Full PDB file with SEQRES, HELIX, SHEET, SSBOND, CRYST1, ORIGX, SCALE, CONECT and MASTER records, all heavy atoms in Angstrom:
SEQRES   1 A   42  ALA GLU ALA PRO LYS SER ALA GLU THR TYR GLN VAL LEU          
SEQRES   2 A   42  ASN GLU ILE GLN ALA CYS ARG ASN GLY GLN ASN LEU LEU          
SEQRES   3 A   42  SER ASN ILE LYS GLU VAL VAL VAL VAL ASP LYS LYS GLN          
SEQRES   4 A   42  SER THR ALA                                                  
HELIX    1 AA1 PRO A    4  SER A    6  5                                   3    
HELIX    2 AA2 VAL A   12  LEU A   25  1                                  14    
HELIX    3 AA3 LEU A   26  ASN A   28  5                                   3    
CRYST1    1.000    1.000    1.000  90.00  90.00  90.00 P 1           1          
ORIGX1      1.000000  0.000000  0.000000        0.00000                         
ORIGX2      0.000000  1.000000  0.000000        0.00000                         
ORIGX3      0.000000  0.000000  1.000000        0.00000                         
SCALE1      1.000000  0.000000  0.000000        0.00000                         
SCALE2      0.000000  1.000000  0.000000        0.00000                         
SCALE3      0.000000  0.000000  1.000000        0.00000                         
ATOM      1  N   ALA A   1     -31.448  12.784 -16.935  1.00  0.00           N  
ATOM      2  CA  ALA A   1     -32.431  13.704 -17.590  1.00  0.00           C  
ATOM      3  C   ALA A   1     -33.128  13.012 -18.689  1.00  0.00           C  
ATOM      4  O   ALA A   1     -34.256  13.142 -18.959  1.00  0.00           O  
ATOM      5  CB  ALA A   1     -31.699  14.918 -18.038  1.00  0.00           C  
ATOM      6  N   GLU A   2     -32.240  12.243 -19.545  1.00  0.00           N  
ATOM      7  CA  GLU A   2     -32.815  11.495 -20.740  1.00  0.00           C  
ATOM      8  C   GLU A   2     -33.638  10.327 -20.404  1.00  0.00           C  
ATOM      9  O   GLU A   2     -34.590   9.958 -21.074  1.00  0.00           O  
ATOM     10  CB  GLU A   2     -31.711  11.197 -21.630  1.00  0.00           C  
ATOM     11  CG  GLU A   2     -30.899  12.335 -22.277  1.00  0.00           C  
ATOM     12  CD  GLU A   2     -31.578  13.038 -23.416  1.00  0.00           C  
ATOM     13  OE1 GLU A   2     -32.499  12.405 -24.032  1.00  0.00           O  
ATOM     14  OE2 GLU A   2     -31.423  14.208 -23.660  1.00  0.00           O  
ATOM     15  N   ALA A   3     -33.231   9.494 -19.367  1.00  0.00           N  
ATOM     16  CA  ALA A   3     -33.850   8.329 -19.000  1.00  0.00           C  
ATOM     17  C   ALA A   3     -34.075   8.213 -17.515  1.00  0.00           C  
ATOM     18  O   ALA A   3     -33.459   7.383 -16.958  1.00  0.00           O  
ATOM     19  CB  ALA A   3     -33.153   7.207 -19.600  1.00  0.00           C  
ATOM     20  N   PRO A   4     -34.913   8.958 -16.898  1.00  0.00           N  
ATOM     21  CA  PRO A   4     -35.047   9.130 -15.457  1.00  0.00           C  
ATOM     22  C   PRO A   4     -35.419   7.758 -14.818  1.00  0.00           C  
ATOM     23  O   PRO A   4     -35.060   7.444 -13.782  1.00  0.00           O  
ATOM     24  CB  PRO A   4     -36.084  10.162 -15.148  1.00  0.00           C  
ATOM     25  CG  PRO A   4     -36.772  10.346 -16.527  1.00  0.00           C  
ATOM     26  CD  PRO A   4     -35.809  10.071 -17.590  1.00  0.00           C  
ATOM     27  N   LYS A   5     -36.275   6.952 -15.592  1.00  0.00           N  
ATOM     28  CA  LYS A   5     -36.796   5.785 -15.039  1.00  0.00           C  
ATOM     29  C   LYS A   5     -35.763   4.660 -14.986  1.00  0.00           C  
ATOM     30  O   LYS A   5     -35.779   3.739 -14.243  1.00  0.00           O  
ATOM     31  CB  LYS A   5     -37.909   5.204 -15.840  1.00  0.00           C  
ATOM     32  CG  LYS A   5     -39.150   6.060 -15.759  1.00  0.00           C  
ATOM     33  CD  LYS A   5     -40.336   5.431 -16.554  1.00  0.00           C  
ATOM     34  CE  LYS A   5     -41.606   6.314 -16.464  1.00  0.00           C  
ATOM     35  NZ  LYS A   5     -42.724   5.829 -17.333  1.00  0.00           N  
ATOM     36  N   SER A   6     -34.667   4.844 -15.714  1.00  0.00           N  
ATOM     37  CA  SER A   6     -33.530   3.848 -15.711  1.00  0.00           C  
ATOM     38  C   SER A   6     -32.496   4.242 -14.661  1.00  0.00           C  
ATOM     39  O   SER A   6     -31.514   3.458 -14.470  1.00  0.00           O  
ATOM     40  CB  SER A   6     -32.895   3.779 -17.181  1.00  0.00           C  
ATOM     41  OG  SER A   6     -33.833   3.379 -18.105  1.00  0.00           O  
ATOM     42  N   ALA A   7     -32.537   5.427 -14.123  1.00  0.00           N  
ATOM     43  CA  ALA A   7     -31.329   5.839 -13.291  1.00  0.00           C  
ATOM     44  C   ALA A   7     -31.202   4.995 -12.205  1.00  0.00           C  
ATOM     45  O   ALA A   7     -30.115   4.736 -11.722  1.00  0.00           O  
ATOM     46  CB  ALA A   7     -31.717   7.260 -12.799  1.00  0.00           C  
ATOM     47  N   GLU A   8     -32.236   4.507 -11.526  1.00  0.00           N  
ATOM     48  CA  GLU A   8     -32.176   3.657 -10.412  1.00  0.00           C  
ATOM     49  C   GLU A   8     -31.689   2.301 -10.793  1.00  0.00           C  
ATOM     50  O   GLU A   8     -30.735   1.741 -10.019  1.00  0.00           O  
ATOM     51  CB  GLU A   8     -33.519   3.448  -9.569  1.00  0.00           C  
ATOM     52  CG  GLU A   8     -33.441   2.632  -8.305  1.00  0.00           C  
ATOM     53  CD  GLU A   8     -34.741   2.593  -7.594  1.00  0.00           C  
ATOM     54  OE1 GLU A   8     -35.678   3.270  -7.935  1.00  0.00           O  
ATOM     55  OE2 GLU A   8     -34.848   1.764  -6.655  1.00  0.00           O  
ATOM     56  N   THR A   9     -32.035   1.739 -11.847  1.00  0.00           N  
ATOM     57  CA  THR A   9     -31.663   0.458 -12.366  1.00  0.00           C  
ATOM     58  C   THR A   9     -30.092   0.454 -12.538  1.00  0.00           C  
ATOM     59  O   THR A   9     -29.359  -0.538 -12.106  1.00  0.00           O  
ATOM     60  CB  THR A   9     -32.231   0.064 -13.709  1.00  0.00           C  
ATOM     61  OG1 THR A   9     -33.566   0.006 -13.572  1.00  0.00           O  
ATOM     62  CG2 THR A   9     -31.709  -1.226 -14.268  1.00  0.00           C  
ATOM     63  N   TYR A  10     -29.530   1.507 -12.957  1.00  0.00           N  
ATOM     64  CA  TYR A  10     -28.117   1.696 -13.285  1.00  0.00           C  
ATOM     65  C   TYR A  10     -27.317   2.293 -12.112  1.00  0.00           C  
ATOM     66  O   TYR A  10     -26.099   2.530 -12.258  1.00  0.00           O  
ATOM     67  CB  TYR A  10     -27.889   2.373 -14.627  1.00  0.00           C  
ATOM     68  CG  TYR A  10     -28.225   1.563 -15.753  1.00  0.00           C  
ATOM     69  CD1 TYR A  10     -29.433   1.610 -16.357  1.00  0.00           C  
ATOM     70  CD2 TYR A  10     -27.230   0.716 -16.381  1.00  0.00           C  
ATOM     71  CE1 TYR A  10     -29.818   0.792 -17.435  1.00  0.00           C  
ATOM     72  CE2 TYR A  10     -27.540  -0.034 -17.495  1.00  0.00           C  
ATOM     73  CZ  TYR A  10     -28.844   0.001 -17.931  1.00  0.00           C  
ATOM     74  OH  TYR A  10     -29.250  -0.778 -19.155  1.00  0.00           O  
ATOM     75  N   GLN A  11     -28.073   2.528 -11.005  1.00  0.00           N  
ATOM     76  CA  GLN A  11     -27.401   3.065  -9.749  1.00  0.00           C  
ATOM     77  C   GLN A  11     -26.586   4.316 -10.054  1.00  0.00           C  
ATOM     78  O   GLN A  11     -25.439   4.570  -9.715  1.00  0.00           O  
ATOM     79  CB  GLN A  11     -26.571   2.039  -9.122  1.00  0.00           C  
ATOM     80  CG  GLN A  11     -27.365   0.866  -8.652  1.00  0.00           C  
ATOM     81  CD  GLN A  11     -26.539  -0.213  -7.810  1.00  0.00           C  
ATOM     82  OE1 GLN A  11     -25.252  -0.191  -7.903  1.00  0.00           O  
ATOM     83  NE2 GLN A  11     -27.135  -1.083  -7.103  1.00  0.00           N  
ATOM     84  N   VAL A  12     -27.172   5.283 -10.870  1.00  0.00           N  
ATOM     85  CA  VAL A  12     -26.546   6.428 -11.290  1.00  0.00           C  
ATOM     86  C   VAL A  12     -26.037   7.354 -10.162  1.00  0.00           C  
ATOM     87  O   VAL A  12     -24.960   7.962 -10.246  1.00  0.00           O  
ATOM     88  CB  VAL A  12     -27.313   7.193 -12.414  1.00  0.00           C  
ATOM     89  CG1 VAL A  12     -26.609   8.322 -12.869  1.00  0.00           C  
ATOM     90  CG2 VAL A  12     -27.550   6.223 -13.624  1.00  0.00           C  
ATOM     91  N   LEU A  13     -27.012   7.514  -9.214  1.00  0.00           N  
ATOM     92  CA  LEU A  13     -26.593   8.416  -8.150  1.00  0.00           C  
ATOM     93  C   LEU A  13     -25.297   7.812  -7.317  1.00  0.00           C  
ATOM     94  O   LEU A  13     -24.531   8.645  -6.886  1.00  0.00           O  
ATOM     95  CB  LEU A  13     -27.839   8.602  -7.133  1.00  0.00           C  
ATOM     96  CG  LEU A  13     -29.014   9.293  -7.757  1.00  0.00           C  
ATOM     97  CD1 LEU A  13     -30.068   9.412  -6.648  1.00  0.00           C  
ATOM     98  CD2 LEU A  13     -28.580  10.815  -7.970  1.00  0.00           C  
ATOM     99  N   ASN A  14     -25.262   6.579  -7.249  1.00  0.00           N  
ATOM    100  CA  ASN A  14     -24.082   5.941  -6.577  1.00  0.00           C  
ATOM    101  C   ASN A  14     -22.752   6.233  -7.469  1.00  0.00           C  
ATOM    102  O   ASN A  14     -21.788   6.508  -6.925  1.00  0.00           O  
ATOM    103  CB  ASN A  14     -24.274   4.476  -6.410  1.00  0.00           C  
ATOM    104  CG  ASN A  14     -23.254   3.933  -5.510  1.00  0.00           C  
ATOM    105  OD1 ASN A  14     -22.962   4.418  -4.371  1.00  0.00           O  
ATOM    106  ND2 ASN A  14     -22.621   2.768  -5.827  1.00  0.00           N  
ATOM    107  N   GLU A  15     -22.943   6.173  -8.843  1.00  0.00           N  
ATOM    108  CA  GLU A  15     -21.784   6.431  -9.615  1.00  0.00           C  
ATOM    109  C   GLU A  15     -21.364   7.842  -9.574  1.00  0.00           C  
ATOM    110  O   GLU A  15     -20.144   8.170  -9.492  1.00  0.00           O  
ATOM    111  CB  GLU A  15     -22.237   6.211 -11.112  1.00  0.00           C  
ATOM    112  CG  GLU A  15     -22.651   4.719 -11.397  1.00  0.00           C  
ATOM    113  CD  GLU A  15     -21.312   3.754 -11.458  1.00  0.00           C  
ATOM    114  OE1 GLU A  15     -20.311   4.187 -11.294  1.00  0.00           O  
ATOM    115  OE2 GLU A  15     -21.618   2.502 -11.616  1.00  0.00           O  
ATOM    116  N   ILE A  16     -22.328   8.794  -9.486  1.00  0.00           N  
ATOM    117  CA  ILE A  16     -22.006  10.284  -9.342  1.00  0.00           C  
ATOM    118  C   ILE A  16     -21.282  10.477  -7.950  1.00  0.00           C  
ATOM    119  O   ILE A  16     -20.224  11.210  -7.939  1.00  0.00           O  
ATOM    120  CB  ILE A  16     -23.280  11.094  -9.430  1.00  0.00           C  
ATOM    121  CG1 ILE A  16     -23.816  11.038 -10.840  1.00  0.00           C  
ATOM    122  CG2 ILE A  16     -22.981  12.487  -8.978  1.00  0.00           C  
ATOM    123  CD1 ILE A  16     -25.160  11.789 -11.102  1.00  0.00           C  
ATOM    124  N   GLN A  17     -21.753   9.761  -6.936  1.00  0.00           N  
ATOM    125  CA  GLN A  17     -21.024   9.974  -5.676  1.00  0.00           C  
ATOM    126  C   GLN A  17     -19.635   9.431  -5.698  1.00  0.00           C  
ATOM    127  O   GLN A  17     -18.734  10.000  -5.050  1.00  0.00           O  
ATOM    128  CB  GLN A  17     -21.884   9.199  -4.512  1.00  0.00           C  
ATOM    129  CG  GLN A  17     -21.382   9.577  -3.080  1.00  0.00           C  
ATOM    130  CD  GLN A  17     -21.193  10.985  -2.797  1.00  0.00           C  
ATOM    131  OE1 GLN A  17     -22.260  11.768  -2.845  1.00  0.00           O  
ATOM    132  NE2 GLN A  17     -20.075  11.487  -2.400  1.00  0.00           N  
ATOM    133  N   ALA A  18     -19.482   8.274  -6.457  1.00  0.00           N  
ATOM    134  CA  ALA A  18     -18.192   7.719  -6.489  1.00  0.00           C  
ATOM    135  C   ALA A  18     -17.185   8.675  -7.236  1.00  0.00           C  
ATOM    136  O   ALA A  18     -16.082   8.840  -6.900  1.00  0.00           O  
ATOM    137  CB  ALA A  18     -18.307   6.302  -7.217  1.00  0.00           C  
ATOM    138  N   CYS A  19     -17.771   9.383  -8.167  1.00  0.00           N  
ATOM    139  CA  CYS A  19     -16.889  10.414  -8.923  1.00  0.00           C  
ATOM    140  C   CYS A  19     -16.500  11.532  -8.022  1.00  0.00           C  
ATOM    141  O   CYS A  19     -15.353  11.990  -7.991  1.00  0.00           O  
ATOM    142  CB  CYS A  19     -17.613  10.872 -10.142  1.00  0.00           C  
ATOM    143  SG  CYS A  19     -17.840   9.879 -11.484  1.00  0.00           S  
ATOM    144  N   ARG A  20     -17.459  11.938  -7.125  1.00  0.00           N  
ATOM    145  CA  ARG A  20     -17.099  13.018  -6.093  1.00  0.00           C  
ATOM    146  C   ARG A  20     -16.101  12.506  -5.165  1.00  0.00           C  
ATOM    147  O   ARG A  20     -15.247  13.214  -4.737  1.00  0.00           O  
ATOM    148  CB  ARG A  20     -18.471  13.510  -5.575  1.00  0.00           C  
ATOM    149  CG  ARG A  20     -19.296  14.295  -6.504  1.00  0.00           C  
ATOM    150  CD  ARG A  20     -20.705  14.688  -5.909  1.00  0.00           C  
ATOM    151  NE  ARG A  20     -21.388  15.449  -6.894  1.00  0.00           N  
ATOM    152  CZ  ARG A  20     -22.746  15.466  -6.866  1.00  0.00           C  
ATOM    153  NH1 ARG A  20     -23.422  14.679  -6.086  1.00  0.00           N  
ATOM    154  NH2 ARG A  20     -23.357  16.216  -7.715  1.00  0.00           N  
ATOM    155  N   ASN A  21     -16.261  11.308  -4.760  1.00  0.00           N  
ATOM    156  CA  ASN A  21     -15.245  10.702  -3.851  1.00  0.00           C  
ATOM    157  C   ASN A  21     -13.958  10.599  -4.492  1.00  0.00           C  
ATOM    158  O   ASN A  21     -12.889  10.959  -3.917  1.00  0.00           O  
ATOM    159  CB  ASN A  21     -15.716   9.288  -3.436  1.00  0.00           C  
ATOM    160  CG  ASN A  21     -16.886   9.264  -2.535  1.00  0.00           C  
ATOM    161  OD1 ASN A  21     -17.267  10.249  -2.018  1.00  0.00           O  
ATOM    162  ND2 ASN A  21     -17.606   8.143  -2.617  1.00  0.00           N  
ATOM    163  N   GLY A  22     -13.908  10.338  -5.755  1.00  0.00           N  
ATOM    164  CA  GLY A  22     -12.614  10.234  -6.546  1.00  0.00           C  
ATOM    165  C   GLY A  22     -12.029  11.653  -6.638  1.00  0.00           C  
ATOM    166  O   GLY A  22     -10.776  11.658  -6.554  1.00  0.00           O  
ATOM    167  N   GLN A  23     -12.684  12.607  -6.784  1.00  0.00           N  
ATOM    168  CA  GLN A  23     -12.286  14.007  -6.791  1.00  0.00           C  
ATOM    169  C   GLN A  23     -11.560  14.340  -5.479  1.00  0.00           C  
ATOM    170  O   GLN A  23     -10.437  14.934  -5.458  1.00  0.00           O  
ATOM    171  CB  GLN A  23     -13.284  15.017  -7.215  1.00  0.00           C  
ATOM    172  CG  GLN A  23     -13.802  14.876  -8.544  1.00  0.00           C  
ATOM    173  CD  GLN A  23     -15.063  15.819  -8.793  1.00  0.00           C  
ATOM    174  OE1 GLN A  23     -15.905  15.933  -7.955  1.00  0.00           O  
ATOM    175  NE2 GLN A  23     -15.127  16.593  -9.929  1.00  0.00           N  
ATOM    176  N   ASN A  24     -12.174  13.982  -4.382  1.00  0.00           N  
ATOM    177  CA  ASN A  24     -11.630  14.107  -3.059  1.00  0.00           C  
ATOM    178  C   ASN A  24     -10.345  13.436  -2.881  1.00  0.00           C  
ATOM    179  O   ASN A  24      -9.353  13.881  -2.219  1.00  0.00           O  
ATOM    180  CB  ASN A  24     -12.621  13.925  -1.940  1.00  0.00           C  
ATOM    181  CG  ASN A  24     -13.788  14.848  -2.051  1.00  0.00           C  
ATOM    182  OD1 ASN A  24     -13.699  16.051  -2.444  1.00  0.00           O  
ATOM    183  ND2 ASN A  24     -15.027  14.332  -1.588  1.00  0.00           N  
ATOM    184  N   LEU A  25     -10.356  12.151  -3.293  1.00  0.00           N  
ATOM    185  CA  LEU A  25      -9.218  11.307  -3.067  1.00  0.00           C  
ATOM    186  C   LEU A  25      -8.034  11.660  -3.921  1.00  0.00           C  
ATOM    187  O   LEU A  25      -6.911  11.200  -3.675  1.00  0.00           O  
ATOM    188  CB  LEU A  25      -9.571   9.787  -3.341  1.00  0.00           C  
ATOM    189  CG  LEU A  25     -10.598   9.234  -2.270  1.00  0.00           C  
ATOM    190  CD1 LEU A  25     -11.146   7.868  -2.766  1.00  0.00           C  
ATOM    191  CD2 LEU A  25      -9.912   9.006  -1.013  1.00  0.00           C  
ATOM    192  N   LEU A  26      -8.155  12.401  -5.081  1.00  0.00           N  
ATOM    193  CA  LEU A  26      -7.059  12.801  -5.755  1.00  0.00           C  
ATOM    194  C   LEU A  26      -6.005  13.590  -4.982  1.00  0.00           C  
ATOM    195  O   LEU A  26      -4.903  13.526  -5.465  1.00  0.00           O  
ATOM    196  CB  LEU A  26      -7.537  13.691  -6.989  1.00  0.00           C  
ATOM    197  CG  LEU A  26      -8.167  13.020  -8.159  1.00  0.00           C  
ATOM    198  CD1 LEU A  26      -8.804  14.002  -9.101  1.00  0.00           C  
ATOM    199  CD2 LEU A  26      -7.082  12.230  -8.855  1.00  0.00           C  
ATOM    200  N   SER A  27      -6.372  14.137  -3.931  1.00  0.00           N  
ATOM    201  CA  SER A  27      -5.478  14.931  -3.066  1.00  0.00           C  
ATOM    202  C   SER A  27      -4.577  14.106  -2.271  1.00  0.00           C  
ATOM    203  O   SER A  27      -3.612  14.523  -1.631  1.00  0.00           O  
ATOM    204  CB  SER A  27      -6.174  15.959  -2.224  1.00  0.00           C  
ATOM    205  OG  SER A  27      -7.074  15.359  -1.371  1.00  0.00           O  
ATOM    206  N   ASN A  28      -4.919  12.702  -2.261  1.00  0.00           N  
ATOM    207  CA  ASN A  28      -4.107  11.855  -1.326  1.00  0.00           C  
ATOM    208  C   ASN A  28      -3.334  10.739  -2.079  1.00  0.00           C  
ATOM    209  O   ASN A  28      -3.264   9.591  -1.716  1.00  0.00           O  
ATOM    210  CB  ASN A  28      -5.301  11.028  -0.409  1.00  0.00           C  
ATOM    211  CG  ASN A  28      -5.904  12.103   0.536  1.00  0.00           C  
ATOM    212  OD1 ASN A  28      -5.237  12.975   1.070  1.00  0.00           O  
ATOM    213  ND2 ASN A  28      -7.200  11.852   0.767  1.00  0.00           N  
ATOM    214  N   ILE A  29      -2.856  11.096  -3.311  1.00  0.00           N  
ATOM    215  CA  ILE A  29      -2.151  10.254  -4.093  1.00  0.00           C  
ATOM    216  C   ILE A  29      -0.825   9.732  -3.388  1.00  0.00           C  
ATOM    217  O   ILE A  29      -0.133  10.581  -2.880  1.00  0.00           O  
ATOM    218  CB  ILE A  29      -1.841  10.735  -5.454  1.00  0.00           C  
ATOM    219  CG1 ILE A  29      -3.135  10.918  -6.287  1.00  0.00           C  
ATOM    220  CG2 ILE A  29      -0.887   9.811  -6.213  1.00  0.00           C  
ATOM    221  CD1 ILE A  29      -2.953  11.523  -7.635  1.00  0.00           C  
ATOM    222  N   LYS A  30      -0.603   8.495  -3.346  1.00  0.00           N  
ATOM    223  CA  LYS A  30       0.573   7.887  -2.754  1.00  0.00           C  
ATOM    224  C   LYS A  30       1.272   6.943  -3.728  1.00  0.00           C  
ATOM    225  O   LYS A  30       0.617   6.518  -4.672  1.00  0.00           O  
ATOM    226  CB  LYS A  30       0.308   7.103  -1.391  1.00  0.00           C  
ATOM    227  CG  LYS A  30      -0.303   8.003  -0.357  1.00  0.00           C  
ATOM    228  CD  LYS A  30      -0.541   7.150   0.990  1.00  0.00           C  
ATOM    229  CE  LYS A  30      -1.174   8.013   2.046  1.00  0.00           C  
ATOM    230  NZ  LYS A  30      -2.420   8.510   1.586  1.00  0.00           N  
ATOM    231  N   GLU A  31       2.509   6.687  -3.520  1.00  0.00           N  
ATOM    232  CA  GLU A  31       3.313   5.881  -4.466  1.00  0.00           C  
ATOM    233  C   GLU A  31       3.121   4.440  -3.981  1.00  0.00           C  
ATOM    234  O   GLU A  31       3.128   4.095  -2.756  1.00  0.00           O  
ATOM    235  CB  GLU A  31       4.810   6.181  -4.479  1.00  0.00           C  
ATOM    236  CG  GLU A  31       5.052   7.554  -5.052  1.00  0.00           C  
ATOM    237  CD  GLU A  31       4.642   7.651  -6.564  1.00  0.00           C  
ATOM    238  OE1 GLU A  31       4.725   6.609  -7.251  1.00  0.00           O  
ATOM    239  OE2 GLU A  31       4.122   8.758  -6.949  1.00  0.00           O  
ATOM    240  N   VAL A  32       3.021   3.531  -4.974  1.00  0.00           N  
ATOM    241  CA  VAL A  32       3.044   2.085  -4.589  1.00  0.00           C  
ATOM    242  C   VAL A  32       3.974   1.397  -5.663  1.00  0.00           C  
ATOM    243  O   VAL A  32       3.857   1.705  -6.816  1.00  0.00           O  
ATOM    244  CB  VAL A  32       1.665   1.501  -4.670  1.00  0.00           C  
ATOM    245  CG1 VAL A  32       0.929   1.659  -6.027  1.00  0.00           C  
ATOM    246  CG2 VAL A  32       1.583   0.030  -4.194  1.00  0.00           C  
ATOM    247  N   VAL A  33       4.792   0.538  -5.169  1.00  0.00           N  
ATOM    248  CA  VAL A  33       5.809  -0.078  -5.953  1.00  0.00           C  
ATOM    249  C   VAL A  33       5.254  -1.472  -6.397  1.00  0.00           C  
ATOM    250  O   VAL A  33       5.019  -2.276  -5.496  1.00  0.00           O  
ATOM    251  CB  VAL A  33       7.075  -0.229  -5.236  1.00  0.00           C  
ATOM    252  CG1 VAL A  33       8.142  -0.954  -6.101  1.00  0.00           C  
ATOM    253  CG2 VAL A  33       7.658   1.146  -4.834  1.00  0.00           C  
ATOM    254  N   VAL A  34       5.115  -1.645  -7.740  1.00  0.00           N  
ATOM    255  CA  VAL A  34       4.644  -3.001  -8.142  1.00  0.00           C  
ATOM    256  C   VAL A  34       5.870  -3.830  -8.336  1.00  0.00           C  
ATOM    257  O   VAL A  34       6.735  -3.610  -9.126  1.00  0.00           O  
ATOM    258  CB  VAL A  34       3.975  -2.764  -9.562  1.00  0.00           C  
ATOM    259  CG1 VAL A  34       3.504  -4.167 -10.066  1.00  0.00           C  
ATOM    260  CG2 VAL A  34       2.758  -1.874  -9.419  1.00  0.00           C  
ATOM    261  N   VAL A  35       5.758  -4.990  -7.513  1.00  0.00           N  
ATOM    262  CA  VAL A  35       6.898  -6.032  -7.632  1.00  0.00           C  
ATOM    263  C   VAL A  35       6.615  -6.972  -8.687  1.00  0.00           C  
ATOM    264  O   VAL A  35       7.481  -7.416  -9.399  1.00  0.00           O  
ATOM    265  CB  VAL A  35       7.006  -6.694  -6.261  1.00  0.00           C  
ATOM    266  CG1 VAL A  35       8.020  -7.774  -6.287  1.00  0.00           C  
ATOM    267  CG2 VAL A  35       7.289  -5.638  -5.086  1.00  0.00           C  
ATOM    268  N   ASP A  36       5.455  -7.316  -8.788  1.00  0.00           N  
ATOM    269  CA  ASP A  36       5.002  -8.267  -9.937  1.00  0.00           C  
ATOM    270  C   ASP A  36       3.522  -8.201 -10.251  1.00  0.00           C  
ATOM    271  O   ASP A  36       2.751  -7.593  -9.603  1.00  0.00           O  
ATOM    272  CB  ASP A  36       5.202  -9.734  -9.394  1.00  0.00           C  
ATOM    273  CG  ASP A  36       5.174 -10.853 -10.416  1.00  0.00           C  
ATOM    274  OD1 ASP A  36       5.302 -10.405 -11.550  1.00  0.00           O  
ATOM    275  OD2 ASP A  36       5.040 -11.942 -10.158  1.00  0.00           O  
ATOM    276  N   LYS A  37       3.241  -8.507 -11.600  1.00  0.00           N  
ATOM    277  CA  LYS A  37       1.836  -8.417 -12.001  1.00  0.00           C  
ATOM    278  C   LYS A  37       1.675  -9.494 -13.015  1.00  0.00           C  
ATOM    279  O   LYS A  37       2.451  -9.817 -13.972  1.00  0.00           O  
ATOM    280  CB  LYS A  37       1.706  -7.013 -12.786  1.00  0.00           C  
ATOM    281  CG  LYS A  37       0.489  -6.750 -13.629  1.00  0.00           C  
ATOM    282  CD  LYS A  37       0.491  -5.451 -14.368  1.00  0.00           C  
ATOM    283  CE  LYS A  37      -0.514  -5.370 -15.427  1.00  0.00           C  
ATOM    284  NZ  LYS A  37      -0.408  -4.183 -16.254  1.00  0.00           N  
ATOM    285  N   LYS A  38       0.579 -10.216 -12.813  1.00  0.00           N  
ATOM    286  CA  LYS A  38       0.230 -11.379 -13.565  1.00  0.00           C  
ATOM    287  C   LYS A  38      -1.209 -11.424 -14.021  1.00  0.00           C  
ATOM    288  O   LYS A  38      -2.034 -10.958 -13.213  1.00  0.00           O  
ATOM    289  CB  LYS A  38       0.520 -12.711 -12.819  1.00  0.00           C  
ATOM    290  CG  LYS A  38       1.956 -12.895 -12.451  1.00  0.00           C  
ATOM    291  CD  LYS A  38       2.182 -14.275 -11.743  1.00  0.00           C  
ATOM    292  CE  LYS A  38       3.723 -14.392 -11.445  1.00  0.00           C  
ATOM    293  NZ  LYS A  38       3.953 -15.739 -10.690  1.00  0.00           N  
ATOM    294  N   GLN A  39      -1.552 -11.858 -15.163  1.00  0.00           N  
ATOM    295  CA  GLN A  39      -2.786 -11.876 -15.666  1.00  0.00           C  
ATOM    296  C   GLN A  39      -3.477 -13.207 -15.417  1.00  0.00           C  
ATOM    297  O   GLN A  39      -2.897 -14.244 -15.336  1.00  0.00           O  
ATOM    298  CB  GLN A  39      -2.915 -11.684 -17.291  1.00  0.00           C  
ATOM    299  CG  GLN A  39      -4.216 -11.589 -17.873  1.00  0.00           C  
ATOM    300  CD  GLN A  39      -4.126 -11.220 -19.315  1.00  0.00           C  
ATOM    301  OE1 GLN A  39      -3.475 -10.281 -19.691  1.00  0.00           O  
ATOM    302  NE2 GLN A  39      -4.743 -12.022 -20.197  1.00  0.00           N  
ATOM    303  N   SER A  40      -4.774 -13.129 -15.186  1.00  0.00           N  
ATOM    304  CA  SER A  40      -5.533 -14.446 -14.802  1.00  0.00           C  
ATOM    305  C   SER A  40      -6.897 -14.304 -15.342  1.00  0.00           C  
ATOM    306  O   SER A  40      -7.531 -13.238 -15.608  1.00  0.00           O  
ATOM    307  CB  SER A  40      -5.433 -14.679 -13.302  1.00  0.00           C  
ATOM    308  OG  SER A  40      -6.272 -15.769 -12.960  1.00  0.00           O  
ATOM    309  N   THR A  41      -7.621 -15.504 -15.423  1.00  0.00           N  
ATOM    310  CA  THR A  41      -9.139 -15.507 -15.661  1.00  0.00           C  
ATOM    311  C   THR A  41      -9.718 -15.044 -14.195  1.00  0.00           C  
ATOM    312  O   THR A  41      -9.167 -15.207 -13.215  1.00  0.00           O  
ATOM    313  CB  THR A  41      -9.616 -16.860 -16.009  1.00  0.00           C  
ATOM    314  OG1 THR A  41      -9.189 -17.755 -14.993  1.00  0.00           O  
ATOM    315  CG2 THR A  41      -8.906 -17.288 -17.332  1.00  0.00           C  
ATOM    316  N   ALA A  42     -10.869 -14.470 -14.473  1.00  0.00           N  
ATOM    317  CA  ALA A  42     -11.525 -13.905 -13.218  1.00  0.00           C  
ATOM    318  C   ALA A  42     -11.894 -15.034 -12.166  1.00  0.00           C  
ATOM    319  O   ALA A  42     -12.018 -14.698 -10.985  1.00  0.00           O  
ATOM    320  CB  ALA A  42     -12.784 -13.115 -13.645  1.00  0.00           C  
TER     321      ALA A  42                                                      
MASTER        0    0    0    3    0    0    0    6  320    1    0    4          
END                                                                             
């Protein structure tokens, strides 16, 4: 609403859809056992 011309640049509609997907996926939480975790450069 504040910056409509920038919405496409920042793919805001896709971000909103991702949030809605996240809301739906919250009902499917499963356990995963972490055996090891290491930090690295990208």
